[in-house]
């Protein structure tokens, strides 16, 4: 199965975003996605494991049943140019972007709502409109990707907290 097809499903995207940057047991994922029937959840988790998007980082026995702790394989979540070129219909990708953006926005809203106070120093909320040639935009995209790839490799510490940054760019028509 192509990586895009694997990720282009509402339940699988929710699983991936729930696990992104976290290590959770299957029961913890189920608790986060209460509206997804457990049989369906386990089926989608297994597809993501088989596709290499998730990995088991720990197992232990609970009442005679093996409990798996899962996380995402971050390198498998990035859709490359090859993933997107000549293999995806425009409408299909537009639906994917809408679904992904909605889930990411809902997750951000839930995280903000669960905070005891609004800490504006911990939030970046800004919509940029820039003017750039195709070459200038390619250079900017490359610089941003390089900076973010480097930041993503930094280990978590007491001072270095996990943060999610979702970036979407498109031509304004």
N, C-alpha and C. Protein backbone atom coordinates (compact mmCIF):
# COMPACT_ATOMS: atom_id res chain seq x y z
N UNK A 1 0.84 -1.18 0.00
CA UNK A 1 0.00 0.00 0.00
C UNK A 1 0.89 1.24 0.00
N UNK A 2 0.54 2.20 -0.85
CA UNK A 2 1.28 3.45 -0.88
C UNK A 2 1.15 4.18 0.45
N UNK A 3 2.18 4.92 0.80
CA UNK A 3 2.17 5.65 2.08
C UNK A 3 0.98 6.61 2.14
N UNK A 4 0.70 7.30 1.05
CA UNK A 4 -0.43 8.22 1.04
C UNK A 4 -1.73 7.48 1.33
N UNK A 5 -1.95 6.34 0.68
CA UNK A 5 -3.17 5.57 0.92
C UNK A 5 -3.26 5.12 2.37
N UNK A 6 -2.13 4.77 2.94
CA UNK A 6 -2.10 4.33 4.33
C UNK A 6 -2.51 5.47 5.27
N UNK A 7 -2.02 6.66 5.01
CA UNK A 7 -2.31 7.80 5.88
C UNK A 7 -3.64 8.47 5.56
N UNK A 8 -4.15 8.29 4.35
CA UNK A 8 -5.35 8.98 3.91
C UNK A 8 -6.62 8.28 4.39
N UNK A 9 -6.76 8.20 5.69
CA UNK A 9 -7.95 7.62 6.32
C UNK A 9 -8.13 8.33 7.65
N UNK A 10 -9.34 8.79 7.91
CA UNK A 10 -9.60 9.61 9.10
C UNK A 10 -9.17 8.93 10.40
N UNK A 11 -9.50 7.65 10.59
CA UNK A 11 -9.15 6.97 11.83
C UNK A 11 -7.64 6.79 11.91
N UNK A 12 -6.99 6.39 10.82
CA UNK A 12 -5.54 6.20 10.87
C UNK A 12 -4.82 7.52 11.12
N UNK A 13 -5.30 8.61 10.53
CA UNK A 13 -4.71 9.92 10.80
C UNK A 13 -4.86 10.29 12.27
N UNK A 14 -6.02 10.02 12.84
CA UNK A 14 -6.23 10.32 14.26
C UNK A 14 -5.30 9.49 15.14
N UNK A 15 -5.09 8.24 14.79
CA UNK A 15 -4.16 7.38 15.54
C UNK A 15 -2.75 7.96 15.46
N UNK A 16 -2.33 8.30 14.24
CA UNK A 16 -0.98 8.83 14.03
C UNK A 16 -0.79 10.13 14.81
N UNK A 17 -1.76 11.02 14.74
CA UNK A 17 -1.61 12.29 15.45
C UNK A 17 -1.68 12.10 16.96
N UNK A 18 -2.45 11.12 17.43
CA UNK A 18 -2.49 10.84 18.87
C UNK A 18 -1.14 10.33 19.36
N UNK A 19 -0.46 9.54 18.51
CA UNK A 19 0.82 8.94 18.91
C UNK A 19 2.03 9.80 18.58
N UNK A 20 1.85 10.80 17.75
CA UNK A 20 2.99 11.60 17.30
C UNK A 20 3.72 12.22 18.49
N UNK A 21 4.98 11.85 18.65
CA UNK A 21 5.80 12.39 19.74
C UNK A 21 5.49 11.77 21.09
N UNK A 22 4.66 10.75 21.11
CA UNK A 22 4.27 10.10 22.36
C UNK A 22 4.52 8.61 22.28
N UNK A 23 4.55 7.97 23.43
CA UNK A 23 4.58 6.51 23.55
C UNK A 23 3.34 6.13 24.35
N UNK A 24 2.39 5.48 23.69
CA UNK A 24 1.13 5.13 24.33
C UNK A 24 0.82 3.66 24.11
N UNK A 25 0.14 3.07 25.08
CA UNK A 25 -0.33 1.70 24.89
C UNK A 25 -1.56 1.74 23.99
N UNK A 26 -1.90 0.59 23.47
CA UNK A 26 -3.10 0.52 22.64
C UNK A 26 -4.33 0.92 23.44
N UNK A 27 -4.36 0.59 24.73
CA UNK A 27 -5.50 0.99 25.57
C UNK A 27 -5.55 2.50 25.76
N UNK A 28 -4.41 3.14 25.86
CA UNK A 28 -4.38 4.60 25.99
C UNK A 28 -4.87 5.26 24.71
N UNK A 29 -4.48 4.71 23.56
CA UNK A 29 -4.96 5.23 22.28
C UNK A 29 -6.48 5.05 22.22
N UNK A 30 -6.96 3.88 22.62
CA UNK A 30 -8.41 3.61 22.61
C UNK A 30 -9.14 4.61 23.51
N UNK A 31 -8.56 4.95 24.64
CA UNK A 31 -9.20 5.91 25.55
C UNK A 31 -9.27 7.30 24.92
N UNK A 32 -8.28 7.64 24.11
CA UNK A 32 -8.27 8.95 23.43
C UNK A 32 -9.27 8.99 22.28
N UNK A 33 -9.51 7.84 21.65
CA UNK A 33 -10.38 7.76 20.48
C UNK A 33 -11.62 6.92 20.83
N UNK A 34 -12.34 7.36 21.83
CA UNK A 34 -13.47 6.60 22.37
C UNK A 34 -14.56 6.31 21.34
N UNK A 35 -14.68 7.16 20.33
CA UNK A 35 -15.73 6.96 19.34
C UNK A 35 -15.39 5.90 18.29
N UNK A 36 -14.16 5.40 18.31
CA UNK A 36 -13.73 4.38 17.35
C UNK A 36 -13.89 3.01 18.00
N UNK A 37 -14.67 2.12 17.40
CA UNK A 37 -14.82 0.77 17.97
C UNK A 37 -13.45 0.10 18.10
N UNK A 38 -13.24 -0.63 19.21
CA UNK A 38 -11.92 -1.23 19.47
C UNK A 38 -11.47 -2.14 18.35
N UNK A 39 -12.37 -2.95 17.79
CA UNK A 39 -11.96 -3.86 16.70
C UNK A 39 -11.44 -3.06 15.51
N UNK A 40 -12.11 -1.97 15.19
CA UNK A 40 -11.68 -1.11 14.09
C UNK A 40 -10.34 -0.44 14.43
N UNK A 41 -10.22 0.04 15.66
CA UNK A 41 -8.98 0.69 16.09
C UNK A 41 -7.80 -0.27 15.96
N UNK A 42 -7.95 -1.49 16.47
CA UNK A 42 -6.85 -2.46 16.40
C UNK A 42 -6.52 -2.82 14.96
N UNK A 43 -7.52 -2.91 14.10
CA UNK A 43 -7.28 -3.21 12.68
C UNK A 43 -6.45 -2.09 12.04
N UNK A 44 -6.81 -0.84 12.33
CA UNK A 44 -6.07 0.30 11.76
C UNK A 44 -4.66 0.39 12.36
N UNK A 45 -4.51 0.13 13.64
CA UNK A 45 -3.18 0.12 14.25
C UNK A 45 -2.31 -0.94 13.58
N UNK A 46 -2.86 -2.11 13.35
CA UNK A 46 -2.09 -3.16 12.68
C UNK A 46 -1.70 -2.79 11.27
N UNK A 47 -2.57 -2.11 10.53
CA UNK A 47 -2.21 -1.65 9.18
C UNK A 47 -1.07 -0.64 9.24
N UNK A 48 -1.13 0.26 10.23
CA UNK A 48 -0.06 1.26 10.38
C UNK A 48 1.25 0.60 10.80
N UNK A 49 1.18 -0.44 11.64
CA UNK A 49 2.38 -1.19 12.01
C UNK A 49 2.96 -1.90 10.79
N UNK A 50 2.12 -2.57 10.02
CA UNK A 50 2.58 -3.28 8.82
C UNK A 50 3.17 -2.32 7.79
N UNK A 51 2.60 -1.10 7.72
CA UNK A 51 3.09 -0.10 6.77
C UNK A 51 4.32 0.64 7.25
N UNK A 52 4.77 0.36 8.48
CA UNK A 52 5.99 0.99 8.99
C UNK A 52 5.79 2.38 9.55
N UNK A 53 4.55 2.84 9.66
CA UNK A 53 4.27 4.18 10.18
C UNK A 53 4.29 4.19 11.71
N UNK A 54 3.91 3.07 12.31
CA UNK A 54 3.99 2.90 13.76
C UNK A 54 4.99 1.81 14.07
N UNK A 55 5.52 1.87 15.29
CA UNK A 55 6.38 0.79 15.76
C UNK A 55 6.07 0.49 17.22
N UNK A 56 6.31 -0.76 17.59
CA UNK A 56 6.16 -1.18 18.98
C UNK A 56 7.48 -0.90 19.67
N UNK A 57 7.44 -0.10 20.74
CA UNK A 57 8.66 0.26 21.46
C UNK A 57 8.82 -0.50 22.76
N UNK A 58 7.72 -1.16 23.19
CA UNK A 58 7.78 -1.90 24.45
C UNK A 58 6.58 -2.84 24.49
N UNK A 59 6.79 -3.99 25.11
CA UNK A 59 5.67 -4.90 25.37
C UNK A 59 5.78 -5.38 26.81
N UNK A 60 4.64 -5.63 27.42
CA UNK A 60 4.62 -6.24 28.74
C UNK A 60 3.29 -6.98 28.91
N UNK A 61 3.26 -7.92 29.81
CA UNK A 61 2.08 -8.74 30.02
C UNK A 61 1.16 -8.08 31.05
N UNK A 62 -0.12 -8.02 30.72
CA UNK A 62 -1.16 -7.51 31.61
C UNK A 62 -2.27 -8.55 31.64
N UNK A 63 -2.42 -9.20 32.79
CA UNK A 63 -3.44 -10.24 32.96
C UNK A 63 -3.34 -11.30 31.87
N UNK A 64 -2.12 -11.70 31.56
CA UNK A 64 -1.88 -12.75 30.58
C UNK A 64 -1.98 -12.31 29.13
N UNK A 65 -2.18 -11.03 28.88
CA UNK A 65 -2.28 -10.50 27.51
C UNK A 65 -1.13 -9.54 27.28
N UNK A 66 -0.51 -9.66 26.12
CA UNK A 66 0.60 -8.78 25.78
C UNK A 66 0.08 -7.38 25.47
N UNK A 67 0.56 -6.40 26.20
CA UNK A 67 0.21 -5.00 25.98
C UNK A 67 1.35 -4.34 25.22
N UNK A 68 1.03 -3.67 24.12
CA UNK A 68 2.05 -3.02 23.30
C UNK A 68 2.05 -1.52 23.55
N UNK A 69 3.24 -0.96 23.64
CA UNK A 69 3.41 0.48 23.67
C UNK A 69 3.90 0.89 22.29
N UNK A 70 3.22 1.87 21.71
CA UNK A 70 3.45 2.27 20.32
C UNK A 70 3.95 3.70 20.23
N UNK A 71 4.59 4.00 19.12
CA UNK A 71 4.92 5.37 18.77
C UNK A 71 4.95 5.46 17.25
N UNK A 72 5.07 6.66 16.76
CA UNK A 72 5.17 6.85 15.31
C UNK A 72 6.62 6.74 14.86
N UNK A 73 6.81 6.33 13.63
CA UNK A 73 8.12 6.38 12.99
C UNK A 73 8.10 7.67 12.17
N UNK A 74 8.65 8.72 12.75
CA UNK A 74 8.50 10.06 12.17
C UNK A 74 8.97 10.13 10.72
N UNK A 75 10.02 9.41 10.38
CA UNK A 75 10.52 9.46 9.01
C UNK A 75 9.51 8.91 8.01
N UNK A 76 8.58 8.09 8.47
CA UNK A 76 7.58 7.50 7.58
C UNK A 76 6.32 8.35 7.45
N UNK A 77 6.27 9.45 8.17
CA UNK A 77 5.08 10.30 8.13
C UNK A 77 5.17 11.41 7.09
N UNK A 78 6.34 11.66 6.60
CA UNK A 78 6.53 12.74 5.64
C UNK A 78 6.20 12.24 4.25
N UNK A 79 5.29 12.93 3.59
CA UNK A 79 4.97 12.60 2.21
C UNK A 79 5.98 13.32 1.32
N UNK A 80 6.77 12.55 0.61
CA UNK A 80 7.82 13.11 -0.24
C UNK A 80 7.23 13.57 -1.57
N UNK A 81 8.05 14.23 -2.35
CA UNK A 81 7.64 14.61 -3.70
C UNK A 81 7.22 13.38 -4.49
N UNK A 82 7.97 12.28 -4.30
CA UNK A 82 7.66 11.05 -5.02
C UNK A 82 6.31 10.49 -4.59
N UNK A 83 5.98 10.62 -3.28
CA UNK A 83 4.68 10.16 -2.80
C UNK A 83 3.54 10.94 -3.44
N UNK A 84 3.79 12.21 -3.71
CA UNK A 84 2.74 13.09 -4.21
C UNK A 84 2.69 13.20 -5.73
N UNK A 85 3.79 12.95 -6.39
CA UNK A 85 3.87 13.16 -7.83
C UNK A 85 3.24 12.01 -8.60
N UNK A 86 2.29 12.34 -9.43
CA UNK A 86 1.66 11.39 -10.37
C UNK A 86 0.99 10.19 -9.71
N UNK A 87 0.76 10.22 -8.42
CA UNK A 87 0.10 9.08 -7.79
C UNK A 87 -1.18 9.48 -7.07
N UNK A 88 -1.43 10.77 -6.95
CA UNK A 88 -2.57 11.23 -6.17
C UNK A 88 -3.38 12.21 -7.01
N UNK A 89 -4.68 12.02 -6.99
CA UNK A 89 -5.58 12.96 -7.66
C UNK A 89 -5.67 14.24 -6.83
N UNK A 90 -5.88 15.35 -7.49
CA UNK A 90 -5.94 16.65 -6.81
C UNK A 90 -7.05 16.65 -5.76
N UNK A 91 -8.24 16.19 -6.12
CA UNK A 91 -9.35 16.18 -5.16
C UNK A 91 -9.04 15.29 -3.95
N UNK A 92 -8.38 14.17 -4.21
CA UNK A 92 -8.01 13.24 -3.14
C UNK A 92 -7.05 13.91 -2.16
N UNK A 93 -6.06 14.62 -2.69
CA UNK A 93 -5.11 15.31 -1.82
C UNK A 93 -5.77 16.47 -1.09
N UNK A 94 -6.67 17.20 -1.75
CA UNK A 94 -7.39 18.30 -1.10
C UNK A 94 -8.21 17.77 0.08
N UNK A 95 -8.86 16.62 -0.09
CA UNK A 95 -9.61 16.01 1.02
C UNK A 95 -8.68 15.62 2.16
N UNK A 96 -7.50 15.08 1.82
CA UNK A 96 -6.51 14.70 2.83
C UNK A 96 -6.07 15.92 3.64
N UNK A 97 -5.76 17.01 2.95
CA UNK A 97 -5.32 18.23 3.62
C UNK A 97 -6.43 18.74 4.55
N UNK A 98 -7.66 18.71 4.09
CA UNK A 98 -8.79 19.15 4.91
C UNK A 98 -8.93 18.29 6.16
N UNK A 99 -8.85 16.98 5.98
CA UNK A 99 -8.98 16.06 7.12
C UNK A 99 -7.84 16.25 8.10
N UNK A 100 -6.60 16.27 7.59
CA UNK A 100 -5.43 16.43 8.44
C UNK A 100 -5.49 17.75 9.20
N UNK A 101 -5.80 18.82 8.47
CA UNK A 101 -5.87 20.14 9.10
C UNK A 101 -6.94 20.22 10.17
N UNK A 102 -8.08 19.61 9.92
CA UNK A 102 -9.16 19.61 10.89
C UNK A 102 -8.77 18.86 12.15
N UNK A 103 -8.16 17.68 11.97
CA UNK A 103 -7.73 16.89 13.13
C UNK A 103 -6.66 17.64 13.91
N UNK A 104 -5.67 18.20 13.21
CA UNK A 104 -4.60 18.95 13.88
C UNK A 104 -5.16 20.17 14.62
N UNK A 105 -6.08 20.88 14.00
CA UNK A 105 -6.68 22.06 14.64
C UNK A 105 -7.50 21.65 15.86
N UNK A 106 -8.25 20.55 15.76
CA UNK A 106 -9.03 20.08 16.90
C UNK A 106 -8.13 19.64 18.04
N UNK A 107 -7.01 18.98 17.72
CA UNK A 107 -6.04 18.59 18.76
C UNK A 107 -5.46 19.82 19.45
N UNK A 108 -5.11 20.84 18.65
CA UNK A 108 -4.56 22.07 19.22
C UNK A 108 -5.60 22.75 20.12
N UNK A 109 -6.84 22.81 19.66
CA UNK A 109 -7.90 23.44 20.45
C UNK A 109 -8.11 22.68 21.76
N UNK A 110 -8.07 21.35 21.71
CA UNK A 110 -8.24 20.55 22.93
C UNK A 110 -7.08 20.78 23.89
N UNK A 111 -5.86 20.86 23.37
CA UNK A 111 -4.70 21.11 24.22
C UNK A 111 -4.80 22.49 24.88
N UNK A 112 -5.22 23.48 24.12
CA UNK A 112 -5.37 24.83 24.67
C UNK A 112 -6.48 24.85 25.71
N UNK A 113 -7.60 24.21 25.40
CA UNK A 113 -8.74 24.20 26.32
C UNK A 113 -8.43 23.48 27.63
N UNK A 114 -7.53 22.50 27.58
CA UNK A 114 -7.20 21.75 28.80
C UNK A 114 -6.17 22.47 29.67
N UNK A 115 -5.61 23.57 29.18
CA UNK A 115 -4.64 24.34 29.96
C UNK A 115 -5.34 25.13 31.06
N UNK A 116 -4.61 25.38 32.12
CA UNK A 116 -5.20 26.14 33.22
C UNK A 116 -5.28 27.63 32.90
N UNK A 117 -4.41 28.07 31.99
CA UNK A 117 -4.44 29.48 31.56
C UNK A 117 -3.87 29.57 30.15
N UNK A 118 -4.16 30.65 29.47
CA UNK A 118 -3.66 30.86 28.12
C UNK A 118 -2.27 31.48 28.21
N UNK A 119 -1.25 30.70 27.88
CA UNK A 119 0.13 31.18 27.91
C UNK A 119 0.52 31.56 26.49
N UNK A 120 0.38 32.84 26.17
CA UNK A 120 0.61 33.30 24.81
C UNK A 120 2.07 33.16 24.37
N UNK A 121 2.99 33.00 25.32
CA UNK A 121 4.39 32.79 24.96
C UNK A 121 4.65 31.37 24.46
N UNK A 122 3.69 30.47 24.64
CA UNK A 122 3.84 29.08 24.21
C UNK A 122 3.05 28.78 22.94
N UNK A 123 2.42 29.79 22.36
CA UNK A 123 1.57 29.59 21.19
C UNK A 123 2.06 30.47 20.05
N UNK A 124 2.08 29.91 18.87
CA UNK A 124 2.35 30.70 17.67
C UNK A 124 1.10 30.62 16.81
N UNK A 125 0.45 31.72 16.62
CA UNK A 125 -0.74 31.75 15.80
C UNK A 125 -0.61 32.94 14.86
N UNK A 126 -0.27 32.64 13.64
CA UNK A 126 -0.01 33.71 12.68
C UNK A 126 -0.22 33.16 11.28
N UNK A 127 -0.84 33.92 10.44
CA UNK A 127 -1.07 33.55 9.05
C UNK A 127 -0.25 34.52 8.20
N UNK A 128 0.71 33.98 7.46
CA UNK A 128 1.60 34.81 6.65
C UNK A 128 1.17 34.77 5.19
N UNK A 129 1.20 35.92 4.56
CA UNK A 129 1.06 35.97 3.11
C UNK A 129 2.35 36.57 2.58
N UNK A 130 3.08 35.79 1.79
CA UNK A 130 4.36 36.25 1.27
C UNK A 130 4.32 36.31 -0.25
N UNK A 131 5.17 37.14 -0.81
CA UNK A 131 5.34 37.19 -2.26
C UNK A 131 6.70 36.57 -2.57
N UNK A 132 6.71 35.57 -3.45
CA UNK A 132 7.97 34.89 -3.77
C UNK A 132 7.87 34.26 -5.15
N UNK A 133 8.99 34.28 -5.85
CA UNK A 133 9.06 33.53 -7.11
C UNK A 133 9.09 32.05 -6.75
N UNK A 134 8.92 31.20 -7.73
CA UNK A 134 9.00 29.76 -7.48
C UNK A 134 10.35 29.39 -6.89
N UNK A 135 11.41 30.02 -7.41
CA UNK A 135 12.76 29.73 -6.91
C UNK A 135 12.94 30.23 -5.48
N UNK A 136 12.44 31.43 -5.19
CA UNK A 136 12.54 31.98 -3.83
C UNK A 136 11.75 31.12 -2.84
N UNK A 137 10.57 30.67 -3.26
CA UNK A 137 9.77 29.83 -2.38
C UNK A 137 10.43 28.48 -2.14
N UNK A 138 11.02 27.90 -3.18
CA UNK A 138 11.72 26.63 -3.02
C UNK A 138 12.87 26.78 -2.02
N UNK A 139 13.60 27.89 -2.12
CA UNK A 139 14.70 28.14 -1.18
C UNK A 139 14.19 28.32 0.24
N UNK A 140 13.09 29.06 0.41
CA UNK A 140 12.50 29.26 1.73
C UNK A 140 12.01 27.93 2.30
N UNK A 141 11.32 27.14 1.48
CA UNK A 141 10.82 25.83 1.92
C UNK A 141 11.98 24.95 2.36
N UNK A 142 13.08 24.97 1.61
CA UNK A 142 14.25 24.17 1.96
C UNK A 142 14.85 24.63 3.30
N UNK A 143 14.99 25.95 3.48
CA UNK A 143 15.54 26.48 4.74
C UNK A 143 14.67 26.10 5.93
N UNK A 144 13.35 26.26 5.78
CA UNK A 144 12.45 25.89 6.87
C UNK A 144 12.53 24.41 7.18
N UNK A 145 12.54 23.59 6.14
CA UNK A 145 12.62 22.14 6.34
C UNK A 145 13.90 21.76 7.05
N UNK A 146 15.01 22.36 6.66
CA UNK A 146 16.30 22.07 7.29
C UNK A 146 16.28 22.45 8.77
N UNK A 147 15.80 23.65 9.07
CA UNK A 147 15.73 24.10 10.47
C UNK A 147 14.82 23.19 11.30
N UNK A 148 13.67 22.83 10.75
CA UNK A 148 12.72 22.01 11.49
C UNK A 148 13.20 20.57 11.63
N UNK A 149 13.88 20.04 10.59
CA UNK A 149 14.45 18.70 10.70
C UNK A 149 15.50 18.65 11.81
N UNK A 150 16.33 19.71 11.91
CA UNK A 150 17.33 19.78 12.97
C UNK A 150 16.66 19.86 14.34
N UNK A 151 15.64 20.68 14.46
CA UNK A 151 14.93 20.83 15.74
C UNK A 151 14.24 19.54 16.14
N UNK A 152 13.73 18.80 15.17
CA UNK A 152 13.03 17.55 15.46
C UNK A 152 13.97 16.48 16.01
N UNK A 153 15.26 16.60 15.74
CA UNK A 153 16.24 15.62 16.21
C UNK A 153 16.72 15.88 17.64
N UNK A 154 16.40 17.05 18.19
CA UNK A 154 16.84 17.37 19.55
C UNK A 154 16.10 16.50 20.55
N UNK A 155 16.80 15.97 21.55
CA UNK A 155 16.13 15.11 22.54
C UNK A 155 15.30 15.94 23.52
N UNK A 156 14.24 15.33 24.02
CA UNK A 156 13.45 15.97 25.05
C UNK A 156 14.25 16.01 26.35
N UNK A 157 14.14 17.12 27.06
CA UNK A 157 14.75 17.27 28.38
C UNK A 157 13.73 17.97 29.27
N UNK A 158 14.11 18.23 30.51
CA UNK A 158 13.20 18.95 31.41
C UNK A 158 12.89 20.35 30.86
N UNK A 159 13.88 20.96 30.23
CA UNK A 159 13.69 22.31 29.68
C UNK A 159 13.14 22.28 28.26
N UNK A 160 13.46 21.23 27.51
CA UNK A 160 13.07 21.12 26.10
C UNK A 160 11.78 20.31 26.02
N UNK A 161 10.66 20.99 25.82
CA UNK A 161 9.34 20.37 25.82
C UNK A 161 8.92 20.00 24.39
N UNK A 162 8.08 18.99 24.28
CA UNK A 162 7.55 18.60 22.97
C UNK A 162 6.54 19.65 22.52
N UNK A 163 6.68 20.08 21.31
CA UNK A 163 5.77 21.07 20.72
C UNK A 163 5.42 20.59 19.32
N UNK A 164 4.21 20.86 18.90
CA UNK A 164 3.79 20.50 17.55
C UNK A 164 3.67 21.77 16.73
N UNK A 165 4.26 21.74 15.56
CA UNK A 165 4.20 22.86 14.63
C UNK A 165 3.66 22.33 13.32
N UNK A 166 2.52 22.78 12.91
CA UNK A 166 1.87 22.34 11.68
C UNK A 166 1.95 23.49 10.69
N UNK A 167 2.57 23.25 9.54
CA UNK A 167 2.72 24.30 8.54
C UNK A 167 2.07 23.85 7.24
N UNK A 168 1.31 24.73 6.66
CA UNK A 168 0.67 24.45 5.37
C UNK A 168 0.91 25.66 4.48
N UNK A 169 1.37 25.41 3.29
CA UNK A 169 1.53 26.52 2.35
C UNK A 169 0.79 26.17 1.07
N UNK A 170 0.30 27.19 0.40
CA UNK A 170 -0.41 27.00 -0.86
C UNK A 170 -0.44 28.32 -1.62
N UNK A 171 -0.63 28.22 -2.91
CA UNK A 171 -0.75 29.42 -3.73
C UNK A 171 -2.13 30.03 -3.53
N UNK A 172 -2.18 31.33 -3.39
CA UNK A 172 -3.46 32.03 -3.25
C UNK A 172 -3.96 32.30 -4.67
N UNK A 173 -5.15 31.81 -4.92
CA UNK A 173 -5.70 32.00 -6.28
C UNK A 173 -6.85 32.97 -6.28
